[in-house]
């Protein structure tokens, strides 16, 4: 009889607890499901920019709306939050420092990364992210919102907050790439981490392709005779990038060679065998300023976005933007 009563009590308890357990399980499942989350609202900055789109139309948009699209386009949303914040501050600084140019006199910036910064519409970014769309949307919203109106300043002035994907062992000094010395764009060590896509890459050119490309850029070069003799002395800087390389008796910088041969970076070596030149390349981008994958590696190691920015931009401060630099 006691066994019967015990079983009956267990059944009663189960009847009352089962709906609760099912509901609790559904709540936990929804919490773990990125698609079940709600999007965080992106606050307005109070400042408007004129943005020239790829369709040739100029659109007015809030600074934060613009920055959201830049961060989404320029940096993987899977990155650490502190890296995304560093990107947001760099993008805000770049945008406020850029202003109208001869390329787009009627707009503050354009969405062409070759001219200004890349930008993507929210709907397009979310489509690319699939079931992680809400999670990534909220990460970028937080990165933009939580950095307020913060910018990067050097001696009280907005810096040219350039950035790139990944470096070799160090970033490049601006003078190496563009010929102008910039005090805050010095070469610094860069921890790139282990998950950089295509960190090591190769580019191959036939001797004819190599000859055609170089002579188009430097017609005074002598690329006659045996192709194995065309490439002479190569000098490297401390960061592992090519400082100068002599081709056909003409010395060019690593940055110039990168452009001529369409290489992913100026950190390369070149070899010749069986009619083919092979470039072994490390990293991606011009190498100046903040390395995005380096920023993520620093964030993984515990660095804040301010520490990341002050590492990659020498001697700067990160603070609220002075009124004089904000859009009027």
C-alpha atoms as a PDB file:
ATOM      1  CA  UNK A   1       0.000   0.000   0.000  1.00  0.00           C
ATOM      2  CA  UNK A   2       2.845   2.416   0.866  1.00  0.00           C
ATOM      3  CA  UNK A   3       4.379   1.746  -2.534  1.00  0.00           C
ATOM      4  CA  UNK A   4       1.080   2.570  -4.268  1.00  0.00           C
ATOM      5  CA  UNK A   5       0.757   5.834  -2.320  1.00  0.00           C
ATOM      6  CA  UNK A   6       4.388   6.727  -3.112  1.00  0.00           C
ATOM      7  CA  UNK A   7       3.900   6.146  -6.833  1.00  0.00           C
ATOM      8  CA  UNK A   8       0.698   8.189  -6.772  1.00  0.00           C
ATOM      9  CA  UNK A   9       2.489  11.094  -5.094  1.00  0.00           C
ATOM     10  CA  UNK A  10       5.270  10.974  -7.665  1.00  0.00           C
ATOM     11  CA  UNK A  11       2.709  11.076 -10.477  1.00  0.00           C
ATOM     12  CA  UNK A  12       1.001  14.095  -8.902  1.00  0.00           C
ATOM     13  CA  UNK A  13       4.333  15.904  -8.547  1.00  0.00           C
ATOM     14  CA  UNK A  14       5.241  15.054 -12.144  1.00  0.00           C
ATOM     15  CA  UNK A  15       1.919  16.409 -13.421  1.00  0.00           C
ATOM     16  CA  UNK A  16       2.537  19.755 -11.700  1.00  0.00           C
ATOM     17  CA  UNK A  17       6.264  20.015 -12.478  1.00  0.00           C
ATOM     18  CA  UNK A  18       6.265  18.808 -16.094  1.00  0.00           C
ATOM     19  CA  UNK A  19       4.726  21.968 -17.632  1.00  0.00           C
ATOM     20  CA  UNK A  20       7.132  24.114 -15.595  1.00  0.00           C
ATOM     21  CA  UNK A  21      10.145  22.095 -16.724  1.00  0.00           C
ATOM     22  CA  UNK A  22       9.027  22.201 -20.348  1.00  0.00           C
ATOM     23  CA  UNK A  23       8.502  25.968 -20.167  1.00  0.00           C
ATOM     24  CA  UNK A  24      11.876  26.453 -18.459  1.00  0.00           C
ATOM     25  CA  UNK A  25      13.554  24.364 -21.125  1.00  0.00           C
ATOM     26  CA  UNK A  26      11.941  26.404 -23.883  1.00  0.00           C
ATOM     27  CA  UNK A  27      13.111  29.625 -22.245  1.00  0.00           C
ATOM     28  CA  UNK A  28      16.663  28.321 -22.041  1.00  0.00           C
ATOM     29  CA  UNK A  29      16.524  27.171 -25.650  1.00  0.00           C
ATOM     30  CA  UNK A  30      15.300  30.594 -26.752  1.00  0.00           C
ATOM     31  CA  UNK A  31      18.038  32.304 -24.745  1.00  0.00           C
ATOM     32  CA  UNK A  32      20.643  30.150 -26.483  1.00  0.00           C
ATOM     33  CA  UNK A  33      19.099  30.746 -29.891  1.00  0.00           C
ATOM     34  CA  UNK A  34      20.573  33.942 -31.458  1.00  0.00           C
ATOM     35  CA  UNK A  35      17.488  34.328 -33.645  1.00  0.00           C
ATOM     36  CA  UNK A  36      15.290  34.562 -30.514  1.00  0.00           C
ATOM     37  CA  UNK A  37      17.095  37.682 -29.245  1.00  0.00           C
ATOM     38  CA  UNK A  38      15.843  41.196 -29.834  1.00  0.00           C
ATOM     39  CA  UNK A  39      17.843  43.882 -31.568  1.00  0.00           C
ATOM     40  CA  UNK A  40      19.215  46.678 -29.399  1.00  0.00           C
ATOM     41  CA  UNK A  41      18.186  50.125 -30.625  1.00  0.00           C
ATOM     42  CA  UNK A  42      21.023  52.210 -32.059  1.00  0.00           C
ATOM     43  CA  UNK A  43      20.901  55.687 -30.481  1.00  0.00           C
ATOM     44  CA  UNK A  44      21.278  58.800 -32.595  1.00  0.00           C
ATOM     45  CA  UNK A  45      24.517  60.732 -32.229  1.00  0.00           C
ATOM     46  CA  UNK A  46      22.849  64.043 -32.972  1.00  0.00           C
ATOM     47  CA  UNK A  47      25.195  64.671 -35.894  1.00  0.00           C
ATOM     48  CA  UNK A  48      24.489  64.160 -39.575  1.00  0.00           C
ATOM     49  CA  UNK A  49      26.842  63.199 -42.399  1.00  0.00           C
ATOM     50  CA  UNK A  50      26.347  63.350 -46.164  1.00  0.00           C
ATOM     51  CA  UNK A  51      27.306  59.973 -47.628  1.00  0.00           C
ATOM     52  CA  UNK A  52      27.896  59.331 -51.328  1.00  0.00           C
ATOM     53  CA  UNK A  53      26.715  55.815 -52.168  1.00  0.00           C
ATOM     54  CA  UNK A  54      27.792  53.460 -54.935  1.00  0.00           C
ATOM     55  CA  UNK A  55      24.671  54.529 -56.870  1.00  0.00           C
ATOM     56  CA  UNK A  56      25.960  58.099 -57.068  1.00  0.00           C
ATOM     57  CA  UNK A  57      23.296  59.421 -54.692  1.00  0.00           C
ATOM     58  CA  UNK A  58      24.124  61.481 -51.593  1.00  0.00           C
ATOM     59  CA  UNK A  59      22.207  60.431 -48.471  1.00  0.00           C
ATOM     60  CA  UNK A  60      22.085  62.199 -45.132  1.00  0.00           C
ATOM     61  CA  UNK A  61      22.472  59.804 -42.222  1.00  0.00           C
ATOM     62  CA  UNK A  62      23.190  60.013 -38.534  1.00  0.00           C
ATOM     63  CA  UNK A  63      26.839  59.533 -37.581  1.00  0.00           C
ATOM     64  CA  UNK A  64      26.033  56.389 -35.596  1.00  0.00           C
ATOM     65  CA  UNK A  65      24.088  54.865 -38.475  1.00  0.00           C
ATOM     66  CA  UNK A  66      27.061  55.491 -40.744  1.00  0.00           C
ATOM     67  CA  UNK A  67      29.543  54.082 -38.221  1.00  0.00           C
ATOM     68  CA  UNK A  68      27.459  50.935 -37.739  1.00  0.00           C
ATOM     69  CA  UNK A  69      27.712  50.238 -41.476  1.00  0.00           C
ATOM     70  CA  UNK A  70      31.460  50.950 -41.498  1.00  0.00           C
ATOM     71  CA  UNK A  71      32.257  48.617 -38.602  1.00  0.00           C
ATOM     72  CA  UNK A  72      30.058  45.904 -40.123  1.00  0.00           C
ATOM     73  CA  UNK A  73      31.843  46.241 -43.467  1.00  0.00           C
ATOM     74  CA  UNK A  74      35.396  46.744 -42.258  1.00  0.00           C
ATOM     75  CA  UNK A  75      35.803  44.242 -39.385  1.00  0.00           C
ATOM     76  CA  UNK A  76      34.455  40.693 -38.841  1.00  0.00           C
ATOM     77  CA  UNK A  77      31.550  40.888 -36.386  1.00  0.00           C
ATOM     78  CA  UNK A  78      32.832  37.713 -34.730  1.00  0.00           C
ATOM     79  CA  UNK A  79      35.732  39.719 -33.277  1.00  0.00           C
ATOM     80  CA  UNK A  80      36.001  40.554 -29.590  1.00  0.00           C
ATOM     81  CA  UNK A  81      33.903  43.488 -28.387  1.00  0.00           C
ATOM     82  CA  UNK A  82      36.958  45.576 -27.460  1.00  0.00           C
ATOM     83  CA  UNK A  83      38.337  45.168 -30.987  1.00  0.00           C
ATOM     84  CA  UNK A  84      34.984  46.275 -32.440  1.00  0.00           C
ATOM     85  CA  UNK A  85      35.040  49.321 -30.151  1.00  0.00           C
ATOM     86  CA  UNK A  86      38.566  50.172 -31.327  1.00  0.00           C
ATOM     87  CA  UNK A  87      37.316  49.945 -34.923  1.00  0.00           C
ATOM     88  CA  UNK A  88      34.340  52.190 -34.119  1.00  0.00           C
ATOM     89  CA  UNK A  89      36.554  54.891 -32.594  1.00  0.00           C
ATOM     90  CA  UNK A  90      39.035  54.681 -35.484  1.00  0.00           C
ATOM     91  CA  UNK A  91      36.191  54.899 -38.017  1.00  0.00           C
ATOM     92  CA  UNK A  92      34.628  57.881 -36.203  1.00  0.00           C
ATOM     93  CA  UNK A  93      37.991  59.661 -36.125  1.00  0.00           C
ATOM     94  CA  UNK A  94      38.625  58.940 -39.781  1.00  0.00           C
ATOM     95  CA  UNK A  95      35.170  60.182 -40.771  1.00  0.00           C
ATOM     96  CA  UNK A  96      35.444  63.472 -38.862  1.00  0.00           C
ATOM     97  CA  UNK A  97      38.965  64.083 -40.161  1.00  0.00           C
ATOM     98  CA  UNK A  98      38.218  63.244 -43.792  1.00  0.00           C
ATOM     99  CA  UNK A  99      35.614  65.806 -44.832  1.00  0.00           C
ATOM    100  CA  UNK A 100      34.677  66.678 -48.428  1.00  0.00           C
ATOM    101  CA  UNK A 101      37.369  66.109 -51.062  1.00  0.00           C
ATOM    102  CA  UNK A 102      37.783  66.783 -54.749  1.00  0.00           C
ATOM    103  CA  UNK A 103      36.474  63.250 -55.358  1.00  0.00           C
ATOM    104  CA  UNK A 104      33.110  64.087 -53.754  1.00  0.00           C
ATOM    105  CA  UNK A 105      32.794  67.844 -53.038  1.00  0.00           C
ATOM    106  CA  UNK A 106      29.080  67.550 -52.197  1.00  0.00           C
ATOM    107  CA  UNK A 107      29.477  64.777 -49.626  1.00  0.00           C
ATOM    108  CA  UNK A 108      31.457  64.274 -46.443  1.00  0.00           C
ATOM    109  CA  UNK A 109      32.424  60.696 -47.294  1.00  0.00           C
ATOM    110  CA  UNK A 110      31.729  57.922 -49.778  1.00  0.00           C
ATOM    111  CA  UNK A 111      31.227  54.183 -49.369  1.00  0.00           C
ATOM    112  CA  UNK A 112      34.168  53.185 -51.595  1.00  0.00           C
ATOM    113  CA  UNK A 113      36.956  51.739 -49.428  1.00  0.00           C
ATOM    114  CA  UNK A 114      39.513  52.779 -52.047  1.00  0.00           C
ATOM    115  CA  UNK A 115      38.636  56.410 -51.307  1.00  0.00           C
ATOM    116  CA  UNK A 116      37.117  56.555 -47.808  1.00  0.00           C
ATOM    117  CA  UNK A 117      35.783  53.665 -45.713  1.00  0.00           C
ATOM    118  CA  UNK A 118      33.773  50.605 -46.692  1.00  0.00           C
ATOM    119  CA  UNK A 119      30.098  50.712 -45.679  1.00  0.00           C
ATOM    120  CA  UNK A 120      27.276  48.169 -45.779  1.00  0.00           C
ATOM    121  CA  UNK A 121      23.551  48.594 -45.220  1.00  0.00           C
ATOM    122  CA  UNK A 122      22.169  46.856 -42.139  1.00  0.00           C
ATOM    123  CA  UNK A 123      19.842  44.582 -44.128  1.00  0.00           C
ATOM    124  CA  UNK A 124      22.693  43.412 -46.351  1.00  0.00           C
ATOM    125  CA  UNK A 125      24.978  42.749 -43.381  1.00  0.00           C
ATOM    126  CA  UNK A 126      22.269  40.793 -41.566  1.00  0.00           C
ATOM    127  CA  UNK A 127      21.610  38.729 -44.672  1.00  0.00           C
ATOM    128  CA  UNK A 128      25.303  37.814 -44.780  1.00  0.00           C
ATOM    129  CA  UNK A 129      25.301  36.819 -41.099  1.00  0.00           C
ATOM    130  CA  UNK A 130      22.415  34.351 -41.279  1.00  0.00           C
ATOM    131  CA  UNK A 131      21.320  32.980 -37.887  1.00  0.00           C
ATOM    132  CA  UNK A 132      23.941  35.110 -36.113  1.00  0.00           C
ATOM    133  CA  UNK A 133      22.386  38.319 -37.449  1.00  0.00           C
ATOM    134  CA  UNK A 134      20.853  39.585 -34.197  1.00  0.00           C
ATOM    135  CA  UNK A 135      23.907  38.693 -32.112  1.00  0.00           C
ATOM    136  CA  UNK A 136      26.292  40.443 -34.490  1.00  0.00           C
ATOM    137  CA  UNK A 137      23.936  43.388 -34.955  1.00  0.00           C
ATOM    138  CA  UNK A 138      23.870  43.968 -31.203  1.00  0.00           C
ATOM    139  CA  UNK A 139      27.643  43.611 -30.852  1.00  0.00           C
ATOM    140  CA  UNK A 140      28.239  46.342 -33.399  1.00  0.00           C
ATOM    141  CA  UNK A 141      25.470  48.524 -31.980  1.00  0.00           C
ATOM    142  CA  UNK A 142      27.124  48.267 -28.556  1.00  0.00           C
ATOM    143  CA  UNK A 143      30.558  49.057 -30.010  1.00  0.00           C
ATOM    144  CA  UNK A 144      29.237  52.245 -31.604  1.00  0.00           C
ATOM    145  CA  UNK A 145      26.964  53.322 -28.741  1.00  0.00           C
ATOM    146  CA  UNK A 146      29.360  52.591 -25.870  1.00  0.00           C
ATOM    147  CA  UNK A 147      32.173  54.644 -27.385  1.00  0.00           C
ATOM    148  CA  UNK A 148      29.961  57.749 -27.489  1.00  0.00           C
ATOM    149  CA  UNK A 149      31.655  60.540 -29.431  1.00  0.00           C
ATOM    150  CA  UNK A 150      35.156  59.343 -28.628  1.00  0.00           C
ATOM    151  CA  UNK A 151      37.935  60.028 -31.134  1.00  0.00           C
ATOM    152  CA  UNK A 152      41.705  59.669 -31.376  1.00  0.00           C
ATOM    153  CA  UNK A 153      43.739  62.860 -30.940  1.00  0.00           C
ATOM    154  CA  UNK A 154      47.417  63.682 -31.329  1.00  0.00           C
ATOM    155  CA  UNK A 155      48.429  66.968 -29.747  1.00  0.00           C
ATOM    156  CA  UNK A 156      44.793  68.040 -29.745  1.00  0.00           C
ATOM    157  CA  UNK A 157      44.138  67.267 -33.418  1.00  0.00           C
ATOM    158  CA  UNK A 158      42.203  64.448 -35.072  1.00  0.00           C
ATOM    159  CA  UNK A 159      44.546  61.827 -36.477  1.00  0.00           C
ATOM    160  CA  UNK A 160      44.405  60.130 -39.849  1.00  0.00           C
ATOM    161  CA  UNK A 161      43.158  56.862 -38.318  1.00  0.00           C
ATOM    162  CA  UNK A 162      44.202  54.478 -41.064  1.00  0.00           C
ATOM    163  CA  UNK A 163      43.957  50.738 -40.495  1.00  0.00           C
ATOM    164  CA  UNK A 164      44.543  47.468 -42.332  1.00  0.00           C
ATOM    165  CA  UNK A 165      43.683  43.793 -42.053  1.00  0.00           C
ATOM    166  CA  UNK A 166      46.882  42.118 -40.810  1.00  0.00           C
ATOM    167  CA  UNK A 167      50.611  42.768 -40.539  1.00  0.00           C
ATOM    168  CA  UNK A 168      53.655  40.545 -40.613  1.00  0.00           C
ATOM    169  CA  UNK A 169      55.396  40.828 -37.225  1.00  0.00           C
ATOM    170  CA  UNK A 170      54.941  44.609 -37.001  1.00  0.00           C
ATOM    171  CA  UNK A 171      53.052  47.463 -38.626  1.00  0.00           C
ATOM    172  CA  UNK A 172      54.685  49.754 -41.165  1.00  0.00           C
ATOM    173  CA  UNK A 173      56.003  53.232 -40.569  1.00  0.00           C
ATOM    174  CA  UNK A 174      54.026  55.661 -42.752  1.00  0.00           C
ATOM    175  CA  UNK A 175      57.239  56.941 -44.323  1.00  0.00           C
ATOM    176  CA  UNK A 176      57.931  53.431 -45.661  1.00  0.00           C
ATOM    177  CA  UNK A 177      54.611  53.315 -47.492  1.00  0.00           C
ATOM    178  CA  UNK A 178      53.691  56.869 -48.395  1.00  0.00           C
ATOM    179  CA  UNK A 179      56.991  58.734 -48.071  1.00  0.00           C
ATOM    180  CA  UNK A 180      55.729  61.089 -45.358  1.00  0.00           C
ATOM    181  CA  UNK A 181      56.756  60.745 -41.733  1.00  0.00           C
ATOM    182  CA  UNK A 182      53.765  60.885 -39.369  1.00  0.00           C
ATOM    183  CA  UNK A 183      54.595  60.895 -35.624  1.00  0.00           C
ATOM    184  CA  UNK A 184      51.662  58.685 -34.596  1.00  0.00           C
ATOM    185  CA  UNK A 185      52.003  56.236 -37.527  1.00  0.00           C
ATOM    186  CA  UNK A 186      55.177  54.491 -36.465  1.00  0.00           C
ATOM    187  CA  UNK A 187      56.082  50.813 -36.750  1.00  0.00           C
ATOM    188  CA  UNK A 188      54.965  48.822 -33.684  1.00  0.00           C
ATOM    189  CA  UNK A 189      54.879  45.116 -32.871  1.00  0.00           C
ATOM    190  CA  UNK A 190      51.623  43.467 -33.891  1.00  0.00           C
ATOM    191  CA  UNK A 191      50.315  40.186 -32.397  1.00  0.00           C
ATOM    192  CA  UNK A 192      48.223  38.777 -35.222  1.00  0.00           C
ATOM    193  CA  UNK A 193      46.940  35.602 -33.557  1.00  0.00           C
ATOM    194  CA  UNK A 194      46.540  32.214 -35.202  1.00  0.00           C
ATOM    195  CA  UNK A 195      43.270  32.580 -37.107  1.00  0.00           C
ATOM    196  CA  UNK A 196      44.080  35.168 -39.769  1.00  0.00           C
ATOM    197  CA  UNK A 197      42.650  33.923 -43.098  1.00  0.00           C
ATOM    198  CA  UNK A 198      45.201  33.711 -45.926  1.00  0.00           C
ATOM    199  CA  UNK A 199      47.872  35.077 -43.601  1.00  0.00           C
ATOM    200  CA  UNK A 200      50.447  33.332 -45.775  1.00  0.00           C
ATOM    201  CA  UNK A 201      49.684  33.565 -49.484  1.00  0.00           C
ATOM    202  CA  UNK A 202      51.400  33.107 -52.828  1.00  0.00           C
ATOM    203  CA  UNK A 203      51.213  34.943 -56.124  1.00  0.00           C
ATOM    204  CA  UNK A 204      52.772  33.574 -59.302  1.00  0.00           C
ATOM    205  CA  UNK A 205      53.610  35.358 -62.552  1.00  0.00           C
ATOM    206  CA  UNK A 206      55.153  34.115 -65.747  1.00  0.00           C
ATOM    207  CA  UNK A 207      58.356  35.881 -66.718  1.00  0.00           C
ATOM    208  CA  UNK A 208      56.429  37.670 -69.464  1.00  0.00           C
ATOM    209  CA  UNK A 209      53.738  38.860 -67.034  1.00  0.00           C
ATOM    210  CA  UNK A 210      56.395  39.975 -64.555  1.00  0.00           C
ATOM    211  CA  UNK A 211      58.243  41.864 -67.286  1.00  0.00           C
ATOM    212  CA  UNK A 212      55.116  43.540 -68.671  1.00  0.00           C
ATOM    213  CA  UNK A 213      53.885  44.724 -65.277  1.00  0.00           C
ATOM    214  CA  UNK A 214      57.205  46.131 -64.127  1.00  0.00           C
ATOM    215  CA  UNK A 215      58.086  47.848 -67.404  1.00  0.00           C
ATOM    216  CA  UNK A 216      54.651  49.469 -67.494  1.00  0.00           C
ATOM    217  CA  UNK A 217      55.428  51.071 -64.135  1.00  0.00           C
ATOM    218  CA  UNK A 218      59.173  51.584 -64.585  1.00  0.00           C
ATOM    219  CA  UNK A 219      60.037  51.630 -68.305  1.00  0.00           C
ATOM    220  CA  UNK A 220      63.679  52.533 -67.589  1.00  0.00           C
ATOM    221  CA  UNK A 221      64.341  49.093 -66.099  1.00  0.00           C
ATOM    222  CA  UNK A 222      66.508  46.599 -68.012  1.00  0.00           C
ATOM    223  CA  UNK A 223      64.629  43.297 -68.099  1.00  0.00           C
ATOM    224  CA  UNK A 224      66.531  41.713 -70.933  1.00  0.00           C
ATOM    225  CA  UNK A 225      68.445  38.453 -70.775  1.00  0.00           C
ATOM    226  CA  UNK A 226      67.953  35.648 -68.272  1.00  0.00           C
ATOM    227  CA  UNK A 227      64.913  36.322 -66.000  1.00  0.00           C
ATOM    228  CA  UNK A 228      66.748  34.719 -63.080  1.00  0.00           C
ATOM    229  CA  UNK A 229      68.990  37.826 -63.023  1.00  0.00           C
ATOM    230  CA  UNK A 230      66.212  40.423 -63.045  1.00  0.00           C
ATOM    231  CA  UNK A 231      65.694  40.612 -59.272  1.00  0.00           C
ATOM    232  CA  UNK A 232      68.648  41.986 -57.366  1.00  0.00           C
ATOM    233  CA  UNK A 233      69.192  43.107 -53.789  1.00  0.00           C
ATOM    234  CA  UNK A 234      66.230  43.119 -51.377  1.00  0.00           C
ATOM    235  CA  UNK A 235      66.348  45.099 -48.126  1.00  0.00           C
ATOM    236  CA  UNK A 236      63.875  44.429 -45.304  1.00  0.00           C
ATOM    237  CA  UNK A 237      62.776  46.673 -42.456  1.00  0.00           C
ATOM    238  CA  UNK A 238      62.489  45.568 -38.826  1.00  0.00           C
ATOM    239  CA  UNK A 239      58.831  44.643 -39.294  1.00  0.00           C
ATOM    240  CA  UNK A 240      59.590  42.053 -41.956  1.00  0.00           C
ATOM    241  CA  UNK A 241      58.321  44.095 -44.920  1.00  0.00           C
ATOM    242  CA  UNK A 242      60.378  44.961 -47.970  1.00  0.00           C
ATOM    243  CA  UNK A 243      62.113  48.320 -47.617  1.00  0.00           C
ATOM    244  CA  UNK A 244      63.547  48.327 -51.152  1.00  0.00           C
ATOM    245  CA  UNK A 245      63.935  45.758 -53.905  1.00  0.00           C
ATOM    246  CA  UNK A 246      66.024  46.194 -57.043  1.00  0.00           C
ATOM    247  CA  UNK A 247      64.463  44.925 -60.283  1.00  0.00           C
ATOM    248  CA  UNK A 248      66.151  45.366 -63.635  1.00  0.00           C
ATOM    249  CA  UNK A 249      68.619  47.767 -62.011  1.00  0.00           C
ATOM    250  CA  UNK A 250      65.835  49.992 -60.631  1.00  0.00           C
ATOM    251  CA  UNK A 251      65.218  50.209 -56.880  1.00  0.00           C
ATOM    252  CA  UNK A 252      61.585  50.452 -55.784  1.00  0.00           C
ATOM    253  CA  UNK A 253      60.022  50.407 -52.321  1.00  0.00           C
ATOM    254  CA  UNK A 254      58.135  47.414 -51.010  1.00  0.00           C
ATOM    255  CA  UNK A 255      54.914  49.446 -51.182  1.00  0.00           C
ATOM    256  CA  UNK A 256      55.572  50.262 -54.840  1.00  0.00           C
ATOM    257  CA  UNK A 257      56.333  46.621 -55.651  1.00  0.00           C
ATOM    258  CA  UNK A 258      53.150  45.566 -53.884  1.00  0.00           C
ATOM    259  CA  UNK A 259      51.120  47.902 -56.088  1.00  0.00           C
ATOM    260  CA  UNK A 260      52.926  46.951 -59.304  1.00  0.00           C
ATOM    261  CA  UNK A 261      52.463  43.203 -58.802  1.00  0.00           C
ATOM    262  CA  UNK A 262      49.100  43.403 -56.984  1.00  0.00           C
ATOM    263  CA  UNK A 263      50.353  41.672 -53.836  1.00  0.00           C
ATOM    264  CA  UNK A 264      48.386  41.366 -50.578  1.00  0.00           C
ATOM    265  CA  UNK A 265      51.111  43.178 -48.625  1.00  0.00           C
ATOM    266  CA  UNK A 266      54.674  44.480 -48.831  1.00  0.00           C
ATOM    267  CA  UNK A 267      55.927  41.668 -46.588  1.00  0.00           C
ATOM    268  CA  UNK A 268      57.094  39.312 -49.299  1.00  0.00           C
ATOM    269  CA  UNK A 269      59.974  37.364 -50.787  1.00  0.00           C
ATOM    270  CA  UNK A 270      60.337  36.528 -54.470  1.00  0.00           C
ATOM    271  CA  UNK A 271      61.930  33.550 -56.193  1.00  0.00           C
ATOM    272  CA  UNK A 272      62.288  32.379 -59.788  1.00  0.00           C
ATOM    273  CA  UNK A 273      62.209  28.871 -61.237  1.00  0.00           C
ATOM    274  CA  UNK A 274      61.161  27.278 -64.543  1.00  0.00           C
ATOM    275  CA  UNK A 275      59.889  30.483 -66.122  1.00  0.00           C
ATOM    276  CA  UNK A 276      57.783  31.529 -63.110  1.00  0.00           C
ATOM    277  CA  UNK A 277      58.233  34.201 -60.436  1.00  0.00           C
ATOM    278  CA  UNK A 278      56.711  33.257 -57.069  1.00  0.00           C
ATOM    279  CA  UNK A 279      55.908  35.808 -54.375  1.00  0.00           C
ATOM    280  CA  UNK A 280      55.482  34.457 -50.834  1.00  0.00           C
ATOM    281  CA  UNK A 281      53.446  37.066 -48.957  1.00  0.00           C
ATOM    282  CA  UNK A 282      52.570  37.586 -45.288  1.00  0.00           C
ATOM    283  CA  UNK A 283      49.593  39.652 -44.096  1.00  0.00           C
ATOM    284  CA  UNK A 284      47.116  41.828 -45.971  1.00  0.00           C
ATOM    285  CA  UNK A 285      46.917  45.582 -46.473  1.00  0.00           C
ATOM    286  CA  UNK A 286      49.217  48.595 -46.529  1.00  0.00           C
ATOM    287  CA  UNK A 287      50.404  47.800 -42.996  1.00  0.00           C
ATOM    288  CA  UNK A 288      50.066  51.309 -41.530  1.00  0.00           C
ATOM    289  CA  UNK A 289      48.125  52.102 -38.348  1.00  0.00           C
ATOM    290  CA  UNK A 290      45.879  49.605 -36.586  1.00  0.00           C
ATOM    291  CA  UNK A 291      46.010  45.975 -37.616  1.00  0.00           C
ATOM    292  CA  UNK A 292      42.469  44.653 -37.272  1.00  0.00           C
ATOM    293  CA  UNK A 293      43.501  41.066 -36.572  1.00  0.00           C
ATOM    294  CA  UNK A 294      46.169  42.357 -34.218  1.00  0.00           C
ATOM    295  CA  UNK A 295      43.489  44.374 -32.425  1.00  0.00           C
ATOM    296  CA  UNK A 296      41.395  41.238 -32.001  1.00  0.00           C
ATOM    297  CA  UNK A 297      44.397  39.290 -30.685  1.00  0.00           C
ATOM    298  CA  UNK A 298      45.058  42.054 -28.160  1.00  0.00           C
ATOM    299  CA  UNK A 299      41.382  42.041 -27.115  1.00  0.00           C
ATOM    300  CA  UNK A 300      41.490  38.263 -26.620  1.00  0.00           C
ATOM    301  CA  UNK A 301      44.520  38.797 -24.358  1.00  0.00           C
ATOM    302  CA  UNK A 302      42.557  41.300 -22.257  1.00  0.00           C
ATOM    303  CA  UNK A 303      43.427  44.709 -23.726  1.00  0.00           C
ATOM    304  CA  UNK A 304      40.770  47.428 -23.756  1.00  0.00           C
ATOM    305  CA  UNK A 305      39.917  49.347 -26.900  1.00  0.00           C
ATOM    306  CA  UNK A 306      41.780  52.383 -25.553  1.00  0.00           C
ATOM    307  CA  UNK A 307      44.905  50.286 -24.963  1.00  0.00           C
ATOM    308  CA  UNK A 308      44.614  48.832 -28.462  1.00  0.00           C
ATOM    309  CA  UNK A 309      44.361  52.262 -30.068  1.00  0.00           C
ATOM    310  CA  UNK A 310      47.198  53.734 -28.029  1.00  0.00           C
ATOM    311  CA  UNK A 311      49.366  50.774 -29.009  1.00  0.00           C
ATOM    312  CA  UNK A 312      48.846  51.132 -32.741  1.00  0.00           C
ATOM    313  CA  UNK A 313      48.803  54.956 -32.867  1.00  0.00           C
ATOM    314  CA  UNK A 314      51.889  56.252 -31.077  1.00  0.00           C
ATOM    315  CA  UNK A 315      51.470  59.056 -28.510  1.00  0.00           C
ATOM    316  CA  UNK A 316      47.715  59.571 -28.940  1.00  0.00           C
ATOM    317  CA  UNK A 317      44.842  60.102 -26.524  1.00  0.00           C
ATOM    318  CA  UNK A 318      41.314  58.695 -26.788  1.00  0.00           C
ATOM    319  CA  UNK A 319      38.682  61.156 -25.575  1.00  0.00           C
ATOM    320  CA  UNK A 320      35.370  62.836 -26.312  1.00  0.00           C
ATOM    321  CA  UNK A 321      35.539  64.750 -29.575  1.00  0.00           C
ATOM    322  CA  UNK A 322      36.112  68.495 -29.125  1.00  0.00           C
ATOM    323  CA  UNK A 323      33.139  70.537 -30.309  1.00  0.00           C
ATOM    324  CA  UNK A 324      35.204  72.170 -33.052  1.00  0.00           C
ATOM    325  CA  UNK A 325      35.587  68.878 -34.931  1.00  0.00           C
ATOM    326  CA  UNK A 326      31.939  67.803 -34.841  1.00  0.00           C
ATOM    327  CA  UNK A 327      29.644  68.354 -37.871  1.00  0.00           C
ATOM    328  CA  UNK A 328      27.865  71.681 -37.755  1.00  0.00           C
END
